[in-house]
């Protein structure tokens, strides 16, 4: 990530919502580096939170180049997620927590979900 990241901290970031803050992508930014800056942790499960919160903007491949000028949502910890075709709770749990067996954590915060395969594309869920 270029040296401009430090200038984006604090009040310089545009207001987001109760669950995210906006981030303006700069030339050369990568999700892994934004995740390290935002969460202070380099592990994949942290930058995947950013990808999932912005999947409709970034696309299906989190390794693809993010575009300079895009605005990304940086989730504080939990975030609202738009379920895509073929998503499963175990898959989401693996991406977010690094453990597919933690899918019940997501189910717990979305009490309308009755089981591990009970999510529908197009619905919104909360991922803690």
N, C-alpha and C. Protein backbone atom coordinates (compact mmCIF):
# COMPACT_ATOMS: atom_id res chain seq x y z
N UNK A 1 0.84 -1.15 0.00
CA UNK A 1 0.00 0.00 0.00
C UNK A 1 0.89 1.23 0.00
N UNK A 2 0.50 2.25 -0.67
CA UNK A 2 1.36 3.42 -0.74
C UNK A 2 1.32 4.21 0.56
N UNK A 3 2.15 5.22 0.66
CA UNK A 3 2.27 5.99 1.89
C UNK A 3 1.05 6.82 2.24
N UNK A 4 0.06 6.93 1.37
CA UNK A 4 -1.11 7.75 1.63
C UNK A 4 -2.07 7.13 2.64
N UNK A 5 -1.85 5.86 3.00
CA UNK A 5 -2.78 5.20 3.90
C UNK A 5 -2.85 5.90 5.25
N UNK A 6 -1.72 6.27 5.77
CA UNK A 6 -1.71 6.92 7.09
C UNK A 6 -2.55 8.20 7.06
N UNK A 7 -2.57 8.88 5.94
CA UNK A 7 -3.35 10.10 5.83
C UNK A 7 -4.84 9.83 5.82
N UNK A 8 -5.25 8.57 5.59
CA UNK A 8 -6.67 8.23 5.53
C UNK A 8 -7.24 7.86 6.89
N UNK A 9 -6.43 7.87 7.93
CA UNK A 9 -6.90 7.47 9.24
C UNK A 9 -7.75 8.56 9.88
N UNK A 10 -8.51 8.15 10.88
CA UNK A 10 -9.27 9.09 11.69
C UNK A 10 -10.30 9.89 10.92
N UNK A 11 -10.41 11.17 11.21
CA UNK A 11 -11.46 11.99 10.66
C UNK A 11 -11.41 12.12 9.14
N UNK A 12 -10.27 11.80 8.50
CA UNK A 12 -10.18 11.92 7.05
C UNK A 12 -11.03 10.87 6.34
N UNK A 13 -11.37 9.78 7.02
CA UNK A 13 -12.23 8.77 6.41
C UNK A 13 -13.67 9.27 6.40
N UNK A 14 -14.36 9.19 5.26
CA UNK A 14 -15.76 9.58 5.22
C UNK A 14 -16.59 8.70 6.14
N UNK A 15 -17.61 9.24 6.71
CA UNK A 15 -18.47 8.48 7.62
C UNK A 15 -19.11 7.31 6.89
N UNK A 16 -19.27 6.22 7.59
CA UNK A 16 -19.91 5.04 7.03
C UNK A 16 -21.24 4.80 7.72
N UNK A 17 -21.29 3.78 8.53
CA UNK A 17 -22.50 3.45 9.27
C UNK A 17 -22.08 2.83 10.58
N UNK A 18 -23.03 2.20 11.26
CA UNK A 18 -22.73 1.56 12.53
C UNK A 18 -21.83 0.34 12.36
N UNK A 19 -21.72 -0.20 11.13
CA UNK A 19 -20.91 -1.41 10.96
C UNK A 19 -19.74 -1.27 10.01
N UNK A 20 -19.59 -0.14 9.33
CA UNK A 20 -18.46 0.01 8.43
C UNK A 20 -18.02 1.46 8.32
N UNK A 21 -16.82 1.63 7.78
CA UNK A 21 -16.24 2.93 7.45
C UNK A 21 -15.86 2.88 5.98
N UNK A 22 -16.02 3.97 5.25
CA UNK A 22 -15.64 4.01 3.84
C UNK A 22 -14.13 4.14 3.69
N UNK A 23 -13.59 3.54 2.63
CA UNK A 23 -12.17 3.66 2.29
C UNK A 23 -12.05 3.91 0.79
N UNK A 24 -11.29 4.92 0.41
CA UNK A 24 -11.09 5.28 -0.99
C UNK A 24 -9.82 4.58 -1.48
N UNK A 25 -9.95 3.68 -2.44
CA UNK A 25 -8.82 2.89 -2.95
C UNK A 25 -7.85 3.81 -3.69
N UNK A 26 -6.58 3.60 -3.36
CA UNK A 26 -5.50 4.35 -4.00
C UNK A 26 -4.71 3.42 -4.92
N UNK A 27 -3.96 4.00 -5.83
CA UNK A 27 -3.15 3.23 -6.75
C UNK A 27 -2.22 2.28 -5.98
N UNK A 28 -2.24 1.01 -6.38
CA UNK A 28 -1.38 0.01 -5.76
C UNK A 28 -1.96 -0.67 -4.53
N UNK A 29 -3.12 -0.24 -4.05
CA UNK A 29 -3.73 -0.88 -2.88
C UNK A 29 -4.06 -2.34 -3.16
N UNK A 30 -3.92 -3.17 -2.13
CA UNK A 30 -4.30 -4.58 -2.19
C UNK A 30 -5.15 -4.88 -0.97
N UNK A 31 -6.09 -5.80 -1.11
CA UNK A 31 -6.96 -6.14 0.01
C UNK A 31 -6.17 -6.59 1.23
N UNK A 32 -5.13 -7.39 1.01
CA UNK A 32 -4.35 -7.89 2.15
C UNK A 32 -3.70 -6.74 2.91
N UNK A 33 -3.23 -5.73 2.21
CA UNK A 33 -2.59 -4.61 2.88
C UNK A 33 -3.61 -3.68 3.54
N UNK A 34 -4.76 -3.53 2.90
CA UNK A 34 -5.83 -2.74 3.54
C UNK A 34 -6.28 -3.46 4.81
N UNK A 35 -6.42 -4.79 4.74
CA UNK A 35 -6.81 -5.56 5.92
C UNK A 35 -5.79 -5.45 7.04
N UNK A 36 -4.52 -5.48 6.70
CA UNK A 36 -3.47 -5.34 7.72
C UNK A 36 -3.55 -3.94 8.36
N UNK A 37 -3.77 -2.93 7.54
CA UNK A 37 -3.86 -1.56 8.05
C UNK A 37 -5.12 -1.39 8.92
N UNK A 38 -6.27 -1.88 8.44
CA UNK A 38 -7.55 -1.64 9.12
C UNK A 38 -7.66 -2.45 10.40
N UNK A 39 -7.34 -3.75 10.32
CA UNK A 39 -7.50 -4.63 11.49
C UNK A 39 -6.21 -4.84 12.28
N UNK A 40 -5.09 -4.48 11.66
CA UNK A 40 -3.81 -4.72 12.33
C UNK A 40 -3.41 -6.18 12.30
N UNK A 41 -4.02 -6.94 11.39
CA UNK A 41 -3.74 -8.38 11.29
C UNK A 41 -3.60 -8.75 9.82
N UNK A 42 -2.55 -9.49 9.48
CA UNK A 42 -2.31 -9.81 8.07
C UNK A 42 -3.02 -11.08 7.57
N UNK A 43 -3.62 -11.86 8.46
CA UNK A 43 -4.18 -13.15 8.05
C UNK A 43 -5.33 -12.98 7.05
N UNK A 44 -5.45 -13.99 6.20
CA UNK A 44 -6.46 -13.98 5.15
C UNK A 44 -7.86 -13.76 5.67
N UNK A 45 -8.21 -14.35 6.81
CA UNK A 45 -9.58 -14.22 7.30
C UNK A 45 -9.96 -12.77 7.56
N UNK A 46 -8.99 -11.88 7.78
CA UNK A 46 -9.29 -10.48 8.03
C UNK A 46 -9.54 -9.72 6.75
N UNK A 47 -8.69 -9.91 5.73
CA UNK A 47 -8.96 -9.18 4.48
C UNK A 47 -10.16 -9.76 3.76
N UNK A 48 -10.50 -11.04 4.01
CA UNK A 48 -11.70 -11.61 3.41
C UNK A 48 -12.96 -10.93 3.93
N UNK A 49 -12.95 -10.43 5.14
CA UNK A 49 -14.09 -9.66 5.66
C UNK A 49 -14.34 -8.45 4.76
N UNK A 50 -13.26 -7.79 4.36
CA UNK A 50 -13.39 -6.63 3.48
C UNK A 50 -13.93 -7.08 2.13
N UNK A 51 -13.40 -8.17 1.60
CA UNK A 51 -13.87 -8.67 0.30
C UNK A 51 -15.36 -9.02 0.37
N UNK A 52 -15.77 -9.75 1.40
CA UNK A 52 -17.18 -10.14 1.51
C UNK A 52 -18.09 -8.92 1.63
N UNK A 53 -17.68 -7.93 2.39
CA UNK A 53 -18.51 -6.73 2.53
C UNK A 53 -18.60 -5.94 1.23
N UNK A 54 -17.68 -6.20 0.30
CA UNK A 54 -17.62 -5.47 -0.97
C UNK A 54 -17.67 -6.39 -2.17
N UNK A 55 -18.17 -7.58 -2.00
CA UNK A 55 -18.16 -8.59 -3.06
C UNK A 55 -18.87 -8.11 -4.32
N UNK A 56 -19.92 -7.35 -4.16
CA UNK A 56 -20.67 -6.85 -5.32
C UNK A 56 -19.85 -5.81 -6.09
N UNK A 57 -18.94 -5.14 -5.44
CA UNK A 57 -18.08 -4.15 -6.09
C UNK A 57 -16.82 -4.81 -6.67
N UNK A 58 -16.18 -5.65 -5.86
CA UNK A 58 -14.90 -6.26 -6.24
C UNK A 58 -15.09 -7.41 -7.22
N UNK A 59 -16.15 -8.19 -7.03
CA UNK A 59 -16.38 -9.34 -7.89
C UNK A 59 -16.07 -10.64 -7.16
N UNK A 60 -16.14 -11.73 -7.89
CA UNK A 60 -16.00 -13.06 -7.30
C UNK A 60 -14.57 -13.45 -6.95
N UNK A 61 -13.61 -12.79 -7.53
CA UNK A 61 -12.22 -13.15 -7.29
C UNK A 61 -11.57 -12.12 -6.38
N UNK A 62 -11.35 -12.46 -5.11
CA UNK A 62 -10.76 -11.48 -4.20
C UNK A 62 -9.31 -11.16 -4.52
N UNK A 63 -8.67 -11.96 -5.39
CA UNK A 63 -7.28 -11.72 -5.75
C UNK A 63 -7.15 -10.76 -6.93
N UNK A 64 -8.27 -10.43 -7.56
CA UNK A 64 -8.18 -9.52 -8.70
C UNK A 64 -7.80 -8.12 -8.22
N UNK A 65 -7.27 -7.36 -9.13
CA UNK A 65 -6.84 -6.00 -8.81
C UNK A 65 -8.04 -5.14 -8.44
N UNK A 66 -7.97 -4.48 -7.29
CA UNK A 66 -9.01 -3.51 -6.97
C UNK A 66 -8.64 -2.21 -7.67
N UNK A 67 -9.63 -1.47 -8.04
CA UNK A 67 -9.41 -0.30 -8.89
C UNK A 67 -9.23 0.98 -8.08
N UNK A 68 -8.25 1.75 -8.47
CA UNK A 68 -8.05 3.06 -7.88
C UNK A 68 -9.34 3.87 -8.06
N UNK A 69 -9.73 4.56 -7.02
CA UNK A 69 -10.93 5.39 -7.08
C UNK A 69 -12.18 4.70 -6.55
N UNK A 70 -12.15 3.37 -6.43
CA UNK A 70 -13.31 2.66 -5.86
C UNK A 70 -13.45 3.02 -4.39
N UNK A 71 -14.66 2.95 -3.89
CA UNK A 71 -14.93 3.13 -2.47
C UNK A 71 -15.30 1.78 -1.90
N UNK A 72 -14.59 1.36 -0.86
CA UNK A 72 -14.85 0.08 -0.21
C UNK A 72 -15.36 0.31 1.21
N UNK A 73 -16.21 -0.60 1.65
CA UNK A 73 -16.68 -0.59 3.03
C UNK A 73 -15.69 -1.40 3.86
N UNK A 74 -15.19 -0.80 4.92
CA UNK A 74 -14.30 -1.50 5.85
C UNK A 74 -15.11 -1.84 7.09
N UNK A 75 -15.53 -3.10 7.23
CA UNK A 75 -16.34 -3.47 8.40
C UNK A 75 -15.54 -3.35 9.69
N UNK A 76 -16.21 -2.87 10.72
CA UNK A 76 -15.53 -2.77 12.02
C UNK A 76 -15.17 -4.17 12.49
N UNK A 77 -16.11 -5.01 12.72
CA UNK A 77 -15.86 -6.42 13.01
C UNK A 77 -16.97 -7.22 12.36
N UNK A 78 -18.20 -7.04 12.81
CA UNK A 78 -19.32 -7.70 12.15
C UNK A 78 -19.78 -6.86 10.98
N UNK A 79 -20.48 -7.50 10.05
CA UNK A 79 -20.93 -6.75 8.88
C UNK A 79 -22.14 -7.43 8.24
N UNK A 80 -22.87 -6.62 7.49
CA UNK A 80 -24.02 -7.08 6.73
C UNK A 80 -23.51 -7.66 5.42
N UNK A 81 -24.05 -8.81 5.02
CA UNK A 81 -23.55 -9.48 3.82
C UNK A 81 -24.70 -9.90 2.91
N UNK A 82 -24.57 -9.61 1.64
CA UNK A 82 -25.56 -10.01 0.63
C UNK A 82 -25.20 -11.40 0.14
N UNK A 83 -26.07 -12.37 0.39
CA UNK A 83 -25.81 -13.76 0.03
C UNK A 83 -25.84 -13.93 -1.48
N UNK A 84 -24.79 -14.56 -2.00
CA UNK A 84 -24.67 -14.81 -3.42
C UNK A 84 -25.01 -16.27 -3.73
N UNK A 85 -25.29 -16.54 -4.99
CA UNK A 85 -25.60 -17.90 -5.45
C UNK A 85 -24.47 -18.85 -5.02
N UNK A 86 -24.82 -20.00 -4.52
CA UNK A 86 -23.90 -21.06 -4.10
C UNK A 86 -23.18 -20.80 -2.78
N UNK A 87 -23.47 -19.70 -2.10
CA UNK A 87 -22.89 -19.48 -0.77
C UNK A 87 -23.46 -20.50 0.20
N UNK A 88 -22.65 -20.92 1.14
CA UNK A 88 -23.11 -21.78 2.23
C UNK A 88 -22.59 -21.20 3.54
N UNK A 89 -23.26 -21.51 4.64
CA UNK A 89 -22.78 -21.03 5.93
C UNK A 89 -21.39 -21.57 6.25
N UNK A 90 -21.11 -22.87 6.01
CA UNK A 90 -19.75 -23.35 6.28
C UNK A 90 -18.69 -22.62 5.43
N UNK A 91 -19.00 -22.34 4.18
CA UNK A 91 -18.05 -21.63 3.33
C UNK A 91 -17.79 -20.23 3.88
N UNK A 92 -18.85 -19.51 4.23
CA UNK A 92 -18.69 -18.17 4.79
C UNK A 92 -17.91 -18.21 6.10
N UNK A 93 -18.20 -19.19 6.95
CA UNK A 93 -17.48 -19.32 8.23
C UNK A 93 -16.00 -19.60 7.98
N UNK A 94 -15.70 -20.40 6.98
CA UNK A 94 -14.30 -20.68 6.66
C UNK A 94 -13.60 -19.40 6.20
N UNK A 95 -14.26 -18.62 5.35
CA UNK A 95 -13.67 -17.38 4.86
C UNK A 95 -13.46 -16.36 5.97
N UNK A 96 -14.43 -16.25 6.87
CA UNK A 96 -14.38 -15.20 7.89
C UNK A 96 -13.60 -15.62 9.13
N UNK A 97 -13.80 -16.86 9.59
CA UNK A 97 -13.17 -17.30 10.83
C UNK A 97 -12.01 -18.27 10.62
N UNK A 98 -11.87 -18.76 9.38
CA UNK A 98 -10.83 -19.75 9.13
C UNK A 98 -11.22 -21.14 9.58
N UNK A 99 -12.51 -21.36 9.86
CA UNK A 99 -13.00 -22.65 10.35
C UNK A 99 -14.45 -22.84 9.91
N UNK A 100 -14.66 -23.75 8.95
CA UNK A 100 -16.01 -24.00 8.41
C UNK A 100 -16.97 -24.50 9.48
N UNK A 101 -16.45 -25.12 10.52
CA UNK A 101 -17.32 -25.65 11.58
C UNK A 101 -17.93 -24.56 12.45
N UNK A 102 -17.52 -23.32 12.26
CA UNK A 102 -18.08 -22.22 13.05
C UNK A 102 -19.30 -21.59 12.39
N UNK A 103 -19.92 -22.29 11.43
CA UNK A 103 -21.09 -21.75 10.73
C UNK A 103 -22.24 -21.42 11.69
N UNK A 104 -22.31 -22.11 12.82
CA UNK A 104 -23.39 -21.86 13.78
C UNK A 104 -23.27 -20.46 14.41
N UNK A 105 -22.06 -19.91 14.42
CA UNK A 105 -21.88 -18.54 14.91
C UNK A 105 -22.68 -17.57 14.05
N UNK A 106 -22.65 -17.78 12.74
CA UNK A 106 -23.42 -16.93 11.82
C UNK A 106 -24.92 -17.20 12.01
N UNK A 107 -25.29 -18.46 12.13
CA UNK A 107 -26.69 -18.82 12.32
C UNK A 107 -27.25 -18.19 13.60
N UNK A 108 -26.48 -18.18 14.65
CA UNK A 108 -26.91 -17.62 15.93
C UNK A 108 -27.34 -16.16 15.80
N UNK A 109 -26.63 -15.39 14.99
CA UNK A 109 -26.93 -13.97 14.83
C UNK A 109 -27.99 -13.71 13.76
N UNK A 110 -28.47 -14.75 13.13
CA UNK A 110 -29.52 -14.66 12.11
C UNK A 110 -30.55 -15.74 12.44
N UNK A 111 -31.35 -15.50 13.47
CA UNK A 111 -32.19 -16.56 14.02
C UNK A 111 -33.25 -17.09 13.05
N UNK A 112 -33.45 -16.45 11.93
CA UNK A 112 -34.38 -16.97 10.92
C UNK A 112 -33.76 -18.10 10.11
N UNK A 113 -32.44 -18.25 10.17
CA UNK A 113 -31.77 -19.35 9.46
C UNK A 113 -31.94 -20.62 10.29
N UNK A 114 -32.54 -21.62 9.69
CA UNK A 114 -32.87 -22.85 10.43
C UNK A 114 -31.77 -23.90 10.39
N UNK A 115 -30.89 -23.85 9.40
CA UNK A 115 -29.82 -24.85 9.31
C UNK A 115 -28.71 -24.37 8.41
N UNK A 116 -27.67 -25.18 8.30
CA UNK A 116 -26.46 -24.78 7.57
C UNK A 116 -26.69 -24.51 6.08
N UNK A 117 -27.73 -25.10 5.51
CA UNK A 117 -28.01 -24.92 4.09
C UNK A 117 -29.24 -24.05 3.84
N UNK A 118 -29.66 -23.31 4.86
CA UNK A 118 -30.91 -22.55 4.78
C UNK A 118 -30.69 -21.06 4.51
N UNK A 119 -29.78 -20.73 3.60
CA UNK A 119 -29.63 -19.34 3.19
C UNK A 119 -29.97 -19.24 1.71
N UNK A 120 -30.58 -18.14 1.34
CA UNK A 120 -31.04 -17.94 -0.02
C UNK A 120 -30.27 -16.80 -0.68
N UNK A 121 -29.85 -17.02 -1.92
CA UNK A 121 -29.20 -15.96 -2.68
C UNK A 121 -30.13 -14.75 -2.72
N UNK A 122 -29.56 -13.58 -2.53
CA UNK A 122 -30.34 -12.34 -2.55
C UNK A 122 -30.72 -11.85 -1.16
N UNK A 123 -30.61 -12.71 -0.15
CA UNK A 123 -30.96 -12.27 1.20
C UNK A 123 -29.73 -11.61 1.85
N UNK A 124 -29.99 -10.88 2.91
CA UNK A 124 -28.92 -10.22 3.67
C UNK A 124 -28.80 -10.90 5.03
N UNK A 125 -27.57 -11.17 5.44
CA UNK A 125 -27.33 -11.77 6.77
C UNK A 125 -26.28 -10.94 7.50
N UNK A 126 -26.25 -11.10 8.81
CA UNK A 126 -25.25 -10.44 9.63
C UNK A 126 -24.14 -11.44 9.92
N UNK A 127 -22.91 -11.05 9.63
CA UNK A 127 -21.76 -11.91 9.92
C UNK A 127 -20.98 -11.25 11.06
N UNK A 128 -21.02 -11.88 12.24
CA UNK A 128 -20.34 -11.29 13.41
C UNK A 128 -18.82 -11.44 13.33
